[in-house]
Amino acid sequence: MQNYQSGSVILLKLPFSDAVTFKLRPVLVILDTGDDDVIVARITSQITQTIFDVEIIEWQSAGLMRPSVVRLHKINTVEKRLLERQLGIL
């Protein structure tokens, strides 16, 4: 299975409760220890000023479509099989 560099911006297949349909959401790779999981933080363009949101200054070079923030209070461990493709790197 592919390993991901910390700081990579990846599209995640986020499954709905039916486990059949999903939507693609950008995430920031925080840690990949080389197993089948990776630790990620959510990225959103719904910008609200909280102490947990970190603005992505160079959002275009990170492969994002609009100004975005990393939500550091929204950290998850996800299976690598749900990672679709890399958009860029911070």
PDB file of N, CA and C in Angstrom:
ATOM      1  N   MET A   1       0.848  -1.184   0.000  1.00  0.00           N
ATOM      2  CA  MET A   1       0.000   0.000   0.000  1.00  0.00           C
ATOM      3  C   MET A   1       0.889   1.241   0.000  1.00  0.00           C
ATOM      4  N   GLN A   2       0.452   2.281  -0.675  1.00  0.00           N
ATOM      5  CA  GLN A   2       1.215   3.518  -0.804  1.00  0.00           C
ATOM      6  C   GLN A   2       1.386   4.215   0.544  1.00  0.00           C
ATOM      7  N   ASN A   3       2.554   4.829   0.739  1.00  0.00           N
ATOM      8  CA  ASN A   3       2.786   5.652   1.919  1.00  0.00           C
ATOM      9  C   ASN A   3       2.639   7.113   1.538  1.00  0.00           C
ATOM     10  N   TYR A   4       2.175   7.929   2.476  1.00  0.00           N
ATOM     11  CA  TYR A   4       1.919   9.342   2.227  1.00  0.00           C
ATOM     12  C   TYR A   4       2.796  10.203   3.121  1.00  0.00           C
ATOM     13  N   GLN A   5       3.298  11.279   2.557  1.00  0.00           N
ATOM     14  CA  GLN A   5       4.144  12.217   3.288  1.00  0.00           C
ATOM     15  C   GLN A   5       3.281  13.142   4.138  1.00  0.00           C
ATOM     16  N   SER A   6       3.725  13.420   5.352  1.00  0.00           N
ATOM     17  CA  SER A   6       3.028  14.408   6.182  1.00  0.00           C
ATOM     18  C   SER A   6       2.984  15.732   5.436  1.00  0.00           C
ATOM     19  N   GLY A   7       1.834  16.385   5.466  1.00  0.00           N
ATOM     20  CA  GLY A   7       1.654  17.633   4.741  1.00  0.00           C
ATOM     21  C   GLY A   7       0.997  17.462   3.385  1.00  0.00           C
ATOM     22  N   SER A   8       0.785  16.218   2.967  1.00  0.00           N
ATOM     23  CA  SER A   8       0.115  15.969   1.689  1.00  0.00           C
ATOM     24  C   SER A   8      -1.369  16.298   1.807  1.00  0.00           C
ATOM     25  N   VAL A   9      -1.908  16.890   0.753  1.00  0.00           N
ATOM     26  CA  VAL A   9      -3.342  17.152   0.662  1.00  0.00           C
ATOM     27  C   VAL A   9      -3.921  16.077  -0.250  1.00  0.00           C
ATOM     28  N   ILE A  10      -4.846  15.292   0.291  1.00  0.00           N
ATOM     29  CA  ILE A  10      -5.387  14.117  -0.391  1.00  0.00           C
ATOM     30  C   ILE A  10      -6.906  14.208  -0.439  1.00  0.00           C
ATOM     31  N   LEU A  11      -7.503  13.685  -1.519  1.00  0.00           N
ATOM     32  CA  LEU A  11      -8.959  13.547  -1.560  1.00  0.00           C
ATOM     33  C   LEU A  11      -9.349  12.241  -0.885  1.00  0.00           C
ATOM     34  N   LEU A  12     -10.247  12.334   0.078  1.00  0.00           N
ATOM     35  CA  LEU A  12     -10.732  11.187   0.842  1.00  0.00           C
ATOM     36  C   LEU A  12     -12.141  10.841   0.381  1.00  0.00           C
ATOM     37  N   LYS A  13     -12.387   9.552   0.130  1.00  0.00           N
ATOM     38  CA  LYS A  13     -13.744   9.079  -0.142  1.00  0.00           C
ATOM     39  C   LYS A  13     -14.461   8.975   1.195  1.00  0.00           C
ATOM     40  N   LEU A  14     -15.331   9.919   1.472  1.00  0.00           N
ATOM     41  CA  LEU A  14     -16.059   9.944   2.738  1.00  0.00           C
ATOM     42  C   LEU A  14     -17.389   9.225   2.544  1.00  0.00           C
ATOM     43  N   PRO A  15     -17.528   8.009   3.100  1.00  0.00           N
ATOM     44  CA  PRO A  15     -18.755   7.239   2.866  1.00  0.00           C
ATOM     45  C   PRO A  15     -19.944   7.776   3.658  1.00  0.00           C
ATOM     46  N   PHE A  16     -21.120   7.678   3.045  1.00  0.00           N
ATOM     47  CA  PHE A  16     -22.367   7.982   3.737  1.00  0.00           C
ATOM     48  C   PHE A  16     -22.768   6.768   4.575  1.00  0.00           C
ATOM     49  N   SER A  17     -23.807   6.904   5.356  1.00  0.00           N
ATOM     50  CA  SER A  17     -24.217   5.829   6.262  1.00  0.00           C
ATOM     51  C   SER A  17     -24.648   4.556   5.528  1.00  0.00           C
ATOM     52  N   ASP A  18     -25.040   4.669   4.249  1.00  0.00           N
ATOM     53  CA  ASP A  18     -25.429   3.463   3.508  1.00  0.00           C
ATOM     54  C   ASP A  18     -24.220   2.635   3.072  1.00  0.00           C
ATOM     55  N   ALA A  19     -23.017   3.180   3.248  1.00  0.00           N
ATOM     56  CA  ALA A  19     -21.749   2.515   2.914  1.00  0.00           C
ATOM     57  C   ALA A  19     -21.602   2.210   1.426  1.00  0.00           C
ATOM     58  N   VAL A  20     -22.470   2.780   0.602  1.00  0.00           N
ATOM     59  CA  VAL A  20     -22.394   2.579  -0.843  1.00  0.00           C
ATOM     60  C   VAL A  20     -21.991   3.879  -1.534  1.00  0.00           C
ATOM     61  N   THR A  21     -22.642   4.967  -1.178  1.00  0.00           N
ATOM     62  CA  THR A  21     -22.342   6.260  -1.777  1.00  0.00           C
ATOM     63  C   THR A  21     -21.351   7.024  -0.903  1.00  0.00           C
ATOM     64  N   PHE A  22     -20.643   7.942  -1.547  1.00  0.00           N
ATOM     65  CA  PHE A  22     -19.645   8.718  -0.830  1.00  0.00           C
ATOM     66  C   PHE A  22     -19.476  10.071  -1.511  1.00  0.00           C
ATOM     67  N   LYS A  23     -18.790  10.983  -0.824  1.00  0.00           N
ATOM     68  CA  LYS A  23     -18.386  12.236  -1.445  1.00  0.00           C
ATOM     69  C   LYS A  23     -16.897  12.411  -1.203  1.00  0.00           C
ATOM     70  N   LEU A  24     -16.250  13.141  -2.078  1.00  0.00           N
ATOM     71  CA  LEU A  24     -14.820  13.378  -1.960  1.00  0.00           C
ATOM     72  C   LEU A  24     -14.575  14.638  -1.150  1.00  0.00           C
ATOM     73  N   ARG A  25     -13.704  14.538  -0.167  1.00  0.00           N
ATOM     74  CA  ARG A  25     -13.369  15.660   0.705  1.00  0.00           C
ATOM     75  C   ARG A  25     -11.855  15.752   0.849  1.00  0.00           C
ATOM     76  N   PRO A  26     -11.299  16.959   0.827  1.00  0.00           N
ATOM     77  CA  PRO A  26      -9.853  17.091   1.022  1.00  0.00           C
ATOM     78  C   PRO A  26      -9.476  16.927   2.490  1.00  0.00           C
ATOM     79  N   VAL A  27      -8.326  16.292   2.709  1.00  0.00           N
ATOM     80  CA  VAL A  27      -7.780  16.127   4.054  1.00  0.00           C
ATOM     81  C   VAL A  27      -6.277  16.390   4.005  1.00  0.00           C
ATOM     82  N   LEU A  28      -5.720  16.708   5.158  1.00  0.00           N
ATOM     83  CA  LEU A  28      -4.282  16.901   5.311  1.00  0.00           C
ATOM     84  C   LEU A  28      -3.714  15.692   6.034  1.00  0.00           C
ATOM     85  N   VAL A  29      -2.697  15.066   5.448  1.00  0.00           N
ATOM     86  CA  VAL A  29      -2.053  13.933   6.104  1.00  0.00           C
ATOM     87  C   VAL A  29      -1.181  14.460   7.239  1.00  0.00           C
ATOM     88  N   ILE A  30      -1.448  13.957   8.429  1.00  0.00           N
ATOM     89  CA  ILE A  30      -0.649  14.317   9.597  1.00  0.00           C
ATOM     90  C   ILE A  30       0.424  13.266   9.837  1.00  0.00           C
ATOM     91  N   LEU A  31       0.040  11.980   9.748  1.00  0.00           N
ATOM     92  CA  LEU A  31       0.997  10.906  10.026  1.00  0.00           C
ATOM     93  C   LEU A  31       0.624   9.641   9.275  1.00  0.00           C
ATOM     94  N   ASP A  32       1.629   9.054   8.638  1.00  0.00           N
ATOM     95  CA  ASP A  32       1.502   7.738   8.016  1.00  0.00           C
ATOM     96  C   ASP A  32       2.627   6.883   8.585  1.00  0.00           C
ATOM     97  N   THR A  33       2.268   5.886   9.379  1.00  0.00           N
ATOM     98  CA  THR A  33       3.283   5.039  10.011  1.00  0.00           C
ATOM     99  C   THR A  33       3.638   3.815   9.175  1.00  0.00           C
ATOM    100  N   GLY A  34       3.060   3.719   7.976  1.00  0.00           N
ATOM    101  CA  GLY A  34       3.411   2.632   7.077  1.00  0.00           C
ATOM    102  C   GLY A  34       2.478   1.438   7.111  1.00  0.00           C
ATOM    103  N   ASP A  35       1.423   1.498   7.929  1.00  0.00           N
ATOM    104  CA  ASP A  35       0.455   0.396   7.944  1.00  0.00           C
ATOM    105  C   ASP A  35      -0.709   0.726   7.010  1.00  0.00           C
ATOM    106  N   ASP A  36      -1.887   0.169   7.254  1.00  0.00           N
ATOM    107  CA  ASP A  36      -3.031   0.368   6.360  1.00  0.00           C
ATOM    108  C   ASP A  36      -3.862   1.602   6.690  1.00  0.00           C
ATOM    109  N   ASP A  37      -3.461   2.346   7.716  1.00  0.00           N
ATOM    110  CA  ASP A  37      -4.202   3.537   8.135  1.00  0.00           C
ATOM    111  C   ASP A  37      -3.323   4.774   8.039  1.00  0.00           C
ATOM    112  N   VAL A  38      -3.976   5.923   8.040  1.00  0.00           N
ATOM    113  CA  VAL A  38      -3.277   7.208   8.033  1.00  0.00           C
ATOM    114  C   VAL A  38      -4.075   8.168   8.916  1.00  0.00           C
ATOM    115  N   ILE A  39      -3.373   9.062   9.592  1.00  0.00           N
ATOM    116  CA  ILE A  39      -4.032  10.056  10.439  1.00  0.00           C
ATOM    117  C   ILE A  39      -4.144  11.346   9.641  1.00  0.00           C
ATOM    118  N   VAL A  40      -5.372  11.891   9.567  1.00  0.00           N
ATOM    119  CA  VAL A  40      -5.639  13.069   8.744  1.00  0.00           C
ATOM    120  C   VAL A  40      -6.430  14.111   9.530  1.00  0.00           C
ATOM    121  N   ALA A  41      -6.370  15.343   9.039  1.00  0.00           N
ATOM    122  CA  ALA A  41      -7.205  16.428   9.558  1.00  0.00           C
ATOM    123  C   ALA A  41      -8.063  16.941   8.409  1.00  0.00           C
ATOM    124  N   ARG A  42      -9.277  17.304   8.721  1.00  0.00           N
ATOM    125  CA  ARG A  42     -10.204  17.804   7.699  1.00  0.00           C
ATOM    126  C   ARG A  42      -9.762  19.157   7.158  1.00  0.00           C
ATOM    127  N   ILE A  43     -10.066  19.363   5.891  1.00  0.00           N
ATOM    128  CA  ILE A  43      -9.881  20.662   5.243  1.00  0.00           C
ATOM    129  C   ILE A  43     -11.251  21.118   4.777  1.00  0.00           C
ATOM    130  N   THR A  44     -11.552  22.402   4.987  1.00  0.00           N
ATOM    131  CA  THR A  44     -12.844  22.932   4.555  1.00  0.00           C
ATOM    132  C   THR A  44     -12.687  24.343   4.003  1.00  0.00           C
ATOM    133  N   SER A  45     -13.579  24.696   3.096  1.00  0.00           N
ATOM    134  CA  SER A  45     -13.638  26.071   2.592  1.00  0.00           C
ATOM    135  C   SER A  45     -14.686  26.878   3.350  1.00  0.00           C
ATOM    136  N   GLN A  46     -15.380  26.237   4.279  1.00  0.00           N
ATOM    137  CA  GLN A  46     -16.353  26.925   5.141  1.00  0.00           C
ATOM    138  C   GLN A  46     -15.586  27.548   6.303  1.00  0.00           C
ATOM    139  N   ILE A  47     -15.079  28.737   6.067  1.00  0.00           N
ATOM    140  CA  ILE A  47     -14.158  29.360   7.008  1.00  0.00           C
ATOM    141  C   ILE A  47     -14.915  30.082   8.112  1.00  0.00           C
ATOM    142  N   THR A  48     -14.684  29.625   9.327  1.00  0.00           N
ATOM    143  CA  THR A  48     -15.163  30.302  10.529  1.00  0.00           C
ATOM    144  C   THR A  48     -13.945  30.515  11.412  1.00  0.00           C
ATOM    145  N   GLN A  49     -13.897  31.613  12.066  1.00  0.00           N
ATOM    146  CA  GLN A  49     -12.726  31.934  12.874  1.00  0.00           C
ATOM    147  C   GLN A  49     -12.789  31.225  14.221  1.00  0.00           C
ATOM    148  N   THR A  50     -12.092  30.104  14.334  1.00  0.00           N
ATOM    149  CA  THR A  50     -11.951  29.426  15.615  1.00  0.00           C
ATOM    150  C   THR A  50     -10.463  29.261  15.899  1.00  0.00           C
ATOM    151  N   ILE A  51     -10.137  28.990  17.138  1.00  0.00           N
ATOM    152  CA  ILE A  51      -8.731  28.817  17.481  1.00  0.00           C
ATOM    153  C   ILE A  51      -8.162  27.514  16.930  1.00  0.00           C
ATOM    154  N   PHE A  52      -9.022  26.632  16.438  1.00  0.00           N
ATOM    155  CA  PHE A  52      -8.583  25.340  15.927  1.00  0.00           C
ATOM    156  C   PHE A  52      -8.404  25.324  14.411  1.00  0.00           C
ATOM    157  N   ASP A  53      -8.830  26.362  13.714  1.00  0.00           N
ATOM    158  CA  ASP A  53      -8.713  26.428  12.259  1.00  0.00           C
ATOM    159  C   ASP A  53      -7.424  27.137  11.873  1.00  0.00           C
ATOM    160  N   VAL A  54      -6.656  26.505  10.975  1.00  0.00           N
ATOM    161  CA  VAL A  54      -5.415  27.090  10.486  1.00  0.00           C
ATOM    162  C   VAL A  54      -5.589  27.385   9.004  1.00  0.00           C
ATOM    163  N   GLU A  55      -5.422  28.647   8.644  1.00  0.00           N
ATOM    164  CA  GLU A  55      -5.600  29.074   7.261  1.00  0.00           C
ATOM    165  C   GLU A  55      -4.509  28.481   6.371  1.00  0.00           C
ATOM    166  N   ILE A  56      -4.915  28.012   5.206  1.00  0.00           N
ATOM    167  CA  ILE A  56      -3.965  27.536   4.198  1.00  0.00           C
ATOM    168  C   ILE A  56      -3.674  28.720   3.287  1.00  0.00           C
ATOM    169  N   ILE A  57      -2.505  29.314   3.456  1.00  0.00           N
ATOM    170  CA  ILE A  57      -2.146  30.523   2.712  1.00  0.00           C
ATOM    171  C   ILE A  57      -2.011  30.219   1.219  1.00  0.00           C
ATOM    172  N   GLU A  58      -1.248  29.206   0.877  1.00  0.00           N
ATOM    173  CA  GLU A  58      -1.013  28.863  -0.532  1.00  0.00           C
ATOM    174  C   GLU A  58      -1.952  27.731  -0.953  1.00  0.00           C
ATOM    175  N   TRP A  59      -3.253  27.997  -0.854  1.00  0.00           N
ATOM    176  CA  TRP A  59      -4.261  26.966  -1.111  1.00  0.00           C
ATOM    177  C   TRP A  59      -4.252  26.489  -2.558  1.00  0.00           C
ATOM    178  N   GLN A  60      -3.930  27.379  -3.507  1.00  0.00           N
ATOM    179  CA  GLN A  60      -3.923  26.968  -4.918  1.00  0.00           C
ATOM    180  C   GLN A  60      -2.789  25.990  -5.207  1.00  0.00           C
ATOM    181  N   SER A  61      -1.610  26.254  -4.665  1.00  0.00           N
ATOM    182  CA  SER A  61      -0.489  25.342  -4.911  1.00  0.00           C
ATOM    183  C   SER A  61      -0.665  24.020  -4.163  1.00  0.00           C
ATOM    184  N   ALA A  62      -1.570  23.998  -3.176  1.00  0.00           N
ATOM    185  CA  ALA A  62      -1.896  22.750  -2.476  1.00  0.00           C
ATOM    186  C   ALA A  62      -2.938  21.938  -3.242  1.00  0.00           C
ATOM    187  N   GLY A  63      -3.411  22.465  -4.391  1.00  0.00           N
ATOM    188  CA  GLY A  63      -4.371  21.742  -5.213  1.00  0.00           C
ATOM    189  C   GLY A  63      -5.817  21.973  -4.838  1.00  0.00           C
ATOM    190  N   LEU A  64      -6.065  22.971  -3.983  1.00  0.00           N
ATOM    191  CA  LEU A  64      -7.438  23.250  -3.546  1.00  0.00           C
ATOM    192  C   LEU A  64      -8.110  24.243  -4.485  1.00  0.00           C
ATOM    193  N   MET A  65      -9.423  24.203  -4.549  1.00  0.00           N
ATOM    194  CA  MET A  65     -10.178  25.026  -5.489  1.00  0.00           C
ATOM    195  C   MET A  65     -10.552  26.394  -4.937  1.00  0.00           C
ATOM    196  N   ARG A  66     -10.480  26.571  -3.613  1.00  0.00           N
ATOM    197  CA  ARG A  66     -10.857  27.853  -3.008  1.00  0.00           C
ATOM    198  C   ARG A  66     -10.112  28.018  -1.686  1.00  0.00           C
ATOM    199  N   PRO A  67     -10.096  29.227  -1.146  1.00  0.00           N
ATOM    200  CA  PRO A  67      -9.447  29.439   0.155  1.00  0.00           C
ATOM    201  C   PRO A  67     -10.013  28.472   1.193  1.00  0.00           C
ATOM    202  N   SER A  68      -9.122  27.899   1.988  1.00  0.00           N
ATOM    203  CA  SER A  68      -9.527  26.839   2.915  1.00  0.00           C
ATOM    204  C   SER A  68      -8.753  26.920   4.220  1.00  0.00           C
ATOM    205  N   VAL A  69      -9.250  26.162   5.197  1.00  0.00           N
ATOM    206  CA  VAL A  69      -8.575  26.019   6.484  1.00  0.00           C
ATOM    207  C   VAL A  69      -8.469  24.538   6.833  1.00  0.00           C
ATOM    208  N   VAL A  70      -7.466  24.222   7.648  1.00  0.00           N
ATOM    209  CA  VAL A  70      -7.344  22.886   8.225  1.00  0.00           C
ATOM    210  C   VAL A  70      -8.012  22.938   9.586  1.00  0.00           C
ATOM    211  N   ARG A  71      -8.888  21.994   9.844  1.00  0.00           N
ATOM    212  CA  ARG A  71      -9.594  21.916  11.131  1.00  0.00           C
ATOM    213  C   ARG A  71      -8.825  20.965  12.056  1.00  0.00           C
ATOM    214  N   LEU A  72      -7.997  21.530  12.911  1.00  0.00           N
ATOM    215  CA  LEU A  72      -7.143  20.704  13.760  1.00  0.00           C
ATOM    216  C   LEU A  72      -7.894  20.002  14.880  1.00  0.00           C
ATOM    217  N   HIS A  73      -9.133  20.368  15.103  1.00  0.00           N
ATOM    218  CA  HIS A  73      -9.942  19.652  16.093  1.00  0.00           C
ATOM    219  C   HIS A  73     -10.783  18.549  15.446  1.00  0.00           C
ATOM    220  N   LYS A  74     -10.581  18.334  14.150  1.00  0.00           N
ATOM    221  CA  LYS A  74     -11.299  17.285  13.409  1.00  0.00           C
ATOM    222  C   LYS A  74     -10.269  16.314  12.825  1.00  0.00           C
ATOM    223  N   ILE A  75      -9.655  15.533  13.694  1.00  0.00           N
ATOM    224  CA  ILE A  75      -8.613  14.587  13.304  1.00  0.00           C
ATOM    225  C   ILE A  75      -9.197  13.179  13.333  1.00  0.00           C
ATOM    226  N   ASN A  76      -8.865  12.403  12.289  1.00  0.00           N
ATOM    227  CA  ASN A  76      -9.387  11.042  12.180  1.00  0.00           C
ATOM    228  C   ASN A  76      -8.300  10.084  11.721  1.00  0.00           C
ATOM    229  N   THR A  77      -8.452   8.830  12.082  1.00  0.00           N
ATOM    230  CA  THR A  77      -7.656   7.751  11.511  1.00  0.00           C
ATOM    231  C   THR A  77      -8.531   7.073  10.468  1.00  0.00           C
ATOM    232  N   VAL A  78      -8.030   7.009   9.227  1.00  0.00           N
ATOM    233  CA  VAL A  78      -8.818   6.431   8.134  1.00  0.00           C
ATOM    234  C   VAL A  78      -8.005   5.360   7.416  1.00  0.00           C
ATOM    235  N   GLU A  79      -8.708   4.450   6.786  1.00  0.00           N
ATOM    236  CA  GLU A  79      -8.056   3.413   5.994  1.00  0.00           C
ATOM    237  C   GLU A  79      -7.526   4.022   4.699  1.00  0.00           C
ATOM    238  N   LYS A  80      -6.332   3.628   4.324  1.00  0.00           N
ATOM    239  CA  LYS A  80      -5.719   4.159   3.103  1.00  0.00           C
ATOM    240  C   LYS A  80      -6.540   3.843   1.855  1.00  0.00           C
ATOM    241  N   ARG A  81      -7.302   2.763   1.898  1.00  0.00           N
ATOM    242  CA  ARG A  81      -8.098   2.400   0.714  1.00  0.00           C
ATOM    243  C   ARG A  81      -9.138   3.468   0.390  1.00  0.00           C
ATOM    244  N   LEU A  82      -9.438   4.363   1.351  1.00  0.00           N
ATOM    245  CA  LEU A  82     -10.404   5.441   1.131  1.00  0.00           C
ATOM    246  C   LEU A  82      -9.766   6.698   0.543  1.00  0.00           C
ATOM    247  N   LEU A  83      -8.442   6.696   0.401  1.00  0.00           N
ATOM    248  CA  LEU A  83      -7.756   7.854  -0.165  1.00  0.00           C
ATOM    249  C   LEU A  83      -7.755   7.738  -1.682  1.00  0.00           C
ATOM    250  N   GLU A  84      -8.284   8.750  -2.337  1.00  0.00           N
ATOM    251  CA  GLU A  84      -8.482   8.715  -3.788  1.00  0.00           C
ATOM    252  C   GLU A  84      -7.227   9.140  -4.553  1.00  0.00           C
ATOM    253  N   ARG A  85      -6.763  10.378  -4.321  1.00  0.00           N
ATOM    254  CA  ARG A  85      -5.572  10.865  -5.032  1.00  0.00           C
ATOM    255  C   ARG A  85      -5.014  12.090  -4.323  1.00  0.00           C
ATOM    256  N   GLN A  86      -3.740  12.335  -4.578  1.00  0.00           N
ATOM    257  CA  GLN A  86      -3.081  13.486  -3.973  1.00  0.00           C
ATOM    258  C   GLN A  86      -3.348  14.731  -4.809  1.00  0.00           C
ATOM    259  N   LEU A  87      -3.680  15.829  -4.121  1.00  0.00           N
ATOM    260  CA  LEU A  87      -3.910  17.111  -4.782  1.00  0.00           C
ATOM    261  C   LEU A  87      -2.663  17.979  -4.777  1.00  0.00           C
ATOM    262  N   GLY A  88      -1.923  17.938  -3.675  1.00  0.00           N
ATOM    263  CA  GLY A  88      -0.745  18.782  -3.530  1.00  0.00           C
ATOM    264  C   GLY A  88      -0.096  18.535  -2.189  1.00  0.00           C
ATOM    265  N   ILE A  89       0.732  19.487  -1.779  1.00  0.00           N
ATOM    266  CA  ILE A  89       1.427  19.362  -0.500  1.00  0.00           C
ATOM    267  C   ILE A  89       1.582  20.748   0.106  1.00  0.00           C
ATOM    268  N   LEU A  90       1.540  20.807   1.429  1.00  0.00           N
ATOM    269  CA  LEU A  90       1.721  22.076   2.143  1.00  0.00           C
ATOM    270  C   LEU A  90       3.153  22.184   2.632  1.00  0.00           C
TER     271      LEU A  90
END
